[in-house]
C-alpha atoms as a PDB file:
ATOM      1  CA  MET A   1     -41.198  92.380   7.552  1.00  0.00           C
ATOM      2  CA  GLU A   2     -39.412  95.682   8.059  1.00  0.00           C
ATOM      3  CA  THR A   3     -36.090  96.063   6.259  1.00  0.00           C
ATOM      4  CA  ALA A   4     -33.078  97.504   8.023  1.00  0.00           C
ATOM      5  CA  ALA A   5     -33.360 100.598   5.820  1.00  0.00           C
ATOM      6  CA  GLU A   6     -36.977 101.125   6.934  1.00  0.00           C
ATOM      7  CA  LYS A   7     -35.974 100.552  10.557  1.00  0.00           C
ATOM      8  CA  ALA A   8     -33.136 103.074  10.210  1.00  0.00           C
ATOM      9  CA  LEU A   9     -35.440 105.724   8.775  1.00  0.00           C
ATOM     10  CA  ALA A  10     -37.959 105.111  11.569  1.00  0.00           C
ATOM     11  CA  MET A  11     -35.197 105.702  14.165  1.00  0.00           C
ATOM     12  CA  PHE A  12     -33.557 108.701  12.511  1.00  0.00           C
ATOM     13  CA  ARG A  13     -34.271 111.757  14.656  1.00  0.00           C
ATOM     14  CA  GLN A  14     -37.544 110.201  15.840  1.00  0.00           C
ATOM     15  CA  GLU A  15     -38.708 109.647  19.412  1.00  0.00           C
ATOM     16  CA  PRO A  16     -37.824 107.743  21.485  1.00  0.00           C
ATOM     17  CA  TYR A  17     -34.387 107.346  19.840  1.00  0.00           C
ATOM     18  CA  CYS A  18     -33.499 110.717  18.270  1.00  0.00           C
ATOM     19  CA  TYR A  19     -30.377 109.132  16.814  1.00  0.00           C
ATOM     20  CA  ASN A  20     -28.114 110.942  14.389  1.00  0.00           C
ATOM     21  CA  CYS A  21     -27.334 109.402  11.004  1.00  0.00           C
ATOM     22  CA  ALA A  22     -24.372 107.302  12.190  1.00  0.00           C
ATOM     23  CA  GLN A  23     -26.177 105.995  15.268  1.00  0.00           C
ATOM     24  CA  THR A  24     -29.248 105.163  13.231  1.00  0.00           C
ATOM     25  CA  VAL A  25     -27.440 102.891  10.793  1.00  0.00           C
ATOM     26  CA  CYS A  26     -25.630 101.065  13.593  1.00  0.00           C
ATOM     27  CA  ALA A  27     -28.801 100.585  15.648  1.00  0.00           C
ATOM     28  CA  ALA A  28     -30.785  99.354  12.635  1.00  0.00           C
ATOM     29  CA  PHE A  29     -28.350  96.450  12.367  1.00  0.00           C
ATOM     30  CA  GLY A  30     -28.426  95.635  16.070  1.00  0.00           C
ATOM     31  CA  ARG A  31     -25.041  97.186  16.813  1.00  0.00           C
ATOM     32  CA  GLU A  32     -26.115  98.828  20.052  1.00  0.00           C
ATOM     33  CA  ASP A  33     -22.470  98.601  21.143  1.00  0.00           C
ATOM     34  CA  LEU A  34     -21.654 101.314  18.585  1.00  0.00           C
ATOM     35  CA  VAL A  35     -24.547 103.702  19.277  1.00  0.00           C
ATOM     36  CA  GLU A  36     -22.867 105.716  22.035  1.00  0.00           C
ATOM     37  CA  VAL A  37     -19.554 105.901  20.145  1.00  0.00           C
ATOM     38  CA  MET A  38     -21.364 107.159  17.029  1.00  0.00           C
ATOM     39  CA  LYS A  39     -22.984 110.001  18.978  1.00  0.00           C
ATOM     40  CA  VAL A  40     -20.196 112.357  17.868  1.00  0.00           C
ATOM     41  CA  CYS A  41     -20.181 111.211  14.220  1.00  0.00           C
ATOM     42  CA  GLY A  42     -23.300 112.965  12.880  1.00  0.00           C
ATOM     43  CA  GLY A  43     -23.539 116.315  11.165  1.00  0.00           C
ATOM     44  CA  GLY A  44     -20.282 116.061   9.253  1.00  0.00           C
ATOM     45  CA  ARG A  45     -18.213 115.130  12.314  1.00  0.00           C
ATOM     46  CA  ALA A  46     -17.297 111.594  11.257  1.00  0.00           C
ATOM     47  CA  PRO A  47     -13.592 111.060  10.527  1.00  0.00           C
ATOM     48  CA  GLU A  48     -12.359 113.050   7.520  1.00  0.00           C
ATOM     49  CA  GLY A  49     -15.804 114.641   7.124  1.00  0.00           C
ATOM     50  CA  MET A  50     -17.336 111.396   5.902  1.00  0.00           C
ATOM     51  CA  CYS A  51     -21.115 111.160   5.854  1.00  0.00           C
ATOM     52  CA  GLY A  52     -22.151 109.835   9.260  1.00  0.00           C
ATOM     53  CA  ALA A  53     -24.563 107.298   7.777  1.00  0.00           C
ATOM     54  CA  LEU A  54     -21.791 105.934   5.584  1.00  0.00           C
ATOM     55  CA  TYR A  55     -19.355 105.912   8.497  1.00  0.00           C
ATOM     56  CA  GLY A  56     -21.874 103.957  10.581  1.00  0.00           C
ATOM     57  CA  ALA A  57     -22.242 101.468   7.725  1.00  0.00           C
ATOM     58  CA  THR A  58     -18.474 100.993   7.547  1.00  0.00           C
ATOM     59  CA  GLN A  59     -18.419 100.283  11.291  1.00  0.00           C
ATOM     60  CA  VAL A  60     -21.198  97.698  10.965  1.00  0.00           C
ATOM     61  CA  LEU A  61     -19.282  95.905   8.182  1.00  0.00           C
ATOM     62  CA  PRO A  62     -15.649  97.002   8.514  1.00  0.00           C
ATOM     63  CA  GLU A  63     -14.462  94.242   6.199  1.00  0.00           C
ATOM     64  CA  LYS A  64     -16.588  95.788   3.424  1.00  0.00           C
ATOM     65  CA  ALA A  65     -15.731  99.446   4.133  1.00  0.00           C
ATOM     66  CA  ALA A  66     -14.075 100.052   0.752  1.00  0.00           C
ATOM     67  CA  ALA A  67     -16.963  98.506  -1.182  1.00  0.00           C
ATOM     68  CA  LEU A  68     -19.554 100.387   0.878  1.00  0.00           C
ATOM     69  CA  THR A  69     -17.737 103.685   0.366  1.00  0.00           C
ATOM     70  CA  ALA A  70     -17.394 103.161  -3.384  1.00  0.00           C
ATOM     71  CA  SER A  71     -21.042 102.144  -3.799  1.00  0.00           C
ATOM     72  CA  PHE A  72     -22.290 105.024  -1.657  1.00  0.00           C
ATOM     73  CA  GLY A  73     -20.241 107.547  -3.615  1.00  0.00           C
ATOM     74  CA  ALA A  74     -21.439 106.117  -6.918  1.00  0.00           C
ATOM     75  CA  ALA A  75     -25.068 106.241  -5.788  1.00  0.00           C
ATOM     76  CA  LEU A  76     -25.094 109.735  -4.270  1.00  0.00           C
ATOM     77  CA  GLY A  77     -22.212 111.561  -5.918  1.00  0.00           C
ATOM     78  CA  ALA A  78     -20.047 112.061  -2.832  1.00  0.00           C
ATOM     79  CA  THR A  79     -19.018 110.443   0.458  1.00  0.00           C
ATOM     80  CA  ARG A  80     -18.323 113.544   2.550  1.00  0.00           C
ATOM     81  CA  CYS A  81     -21.146 115.257   4.410  1.00  0.00           C
ATOM     82  CA  ARG A  82     -20.246 118.759   3.253  1.00  0.00           C
ATOM     83  CA  GLU A  83     -20.352 117.768  -0.433  1.00  0.00           C
ATOM     84  CA  LEU A  84     -23.522 115.718  -0.038  1.00  0.00           C
ATOM     85  CA  LYS A  85     -25.347 118.620   1.612  1.00  0.00           C
ATOM     86  CA  GLY A  86     -23.760 121.298  -0.584  1.00  0.00           C
ATOM     87  CA  GLU A  87     -23.353 120.689  -4.276  1.00  0.00           C
ATOM     88  CA  CYS A  88     -25.117 117.292  -4.354  1.00  0.00           C
ATOM     89  CA  ARG A  89     -28.081 118.470  -2.239  1.00  0.00           C
ATOM     90  CA  VAL A  90     -28.732 115.010  -0.803  1.00  0.00           C
ATOM     91  CA  PRO A  91     -30.919 115.095   2.327  1.00  0.00           C
ATOM     92  CA  CYS A  92     -29.858 113.126   5.387  1.00  0.00           C
ATOM     93  CA  PRO A  93     -32.716 110.578   5.198  1.00  0.00           C
ATOM     94  CA  VAL A  94     -31.546 109.606   1.694  1.00  0.00           C
ATOM     95  CA  CYS A  95     -28.036 109.061   3.051  1.00  0.00           C
ATOM     96  CA  VAL A  96     -29.399 106.918   5.899  1.00  0.00           C
ATOM     97  CA  ARG A  97     -31.530 104.821   3.544  1.00  0.00           C
ATOM     98  CA  THR A  98     -28.706 104.376   1.041  1.00  0.00           C
ATOM     99  CA  ALA A  99     -26.161 103.385   3.692  1.00  0.00           C
ATOM    100  CA  ALA A 100     -28.552 100.857   5.260  1.00  0.00           C
ATOM    101  CA  GLU A 101     -29.512  99.388   1.880  1.00  0.00           C
ATOM    102  CA  LEU A 102     -25.842  98.973   0.980  1.00  0.00           C
ATOM    103  CA  VAL A 103     -25.132  97.137   4.246  1.00  0.00           C
ATOM    104  CA  GLU A 104     -28.112  94.870   3.580  1.00  0.00           C
ATOM    105  CA  ARG A 105     -26.834  94.168   0.069  1.00  0.00           C
ATOM    106  CA  GLU A 106     -23.256  93.504   1.207  1.00  0.00           C
ATOM    107  CA  ARG A 107     -24.462  91.195   3.976  1.00  0.00           C
ATOM    108  CA  GLY A 108     -26.276  89.160   1.351  1.00  0.00           C
ATOM    109  CA  HIS A 109     -23.030  88.437  -0.522  1.00  0.00           C
END
């Protein structure tokens, strides 16, 4: 059975979806209602420069946003796209996988 993280990676910038990082995380968890809204949240354009994958995760589980943000930052060294791509050198697929795995973990609690 495919995990949500695997599903997210399969959708990220791949045909027929070509979703950005934020859209990918939302779609992987069946939140099609958020996909269009998240269209403008990739590439460092999420609120306050947050990683789009992380922002998508916080929209999937808004009640766990603080925990998701803290865990993401601890895992990857930053929560803002510019820092992740710059000094941390974390590629987008790693951000997508991490965000999706964190949502899966938080949903299990």
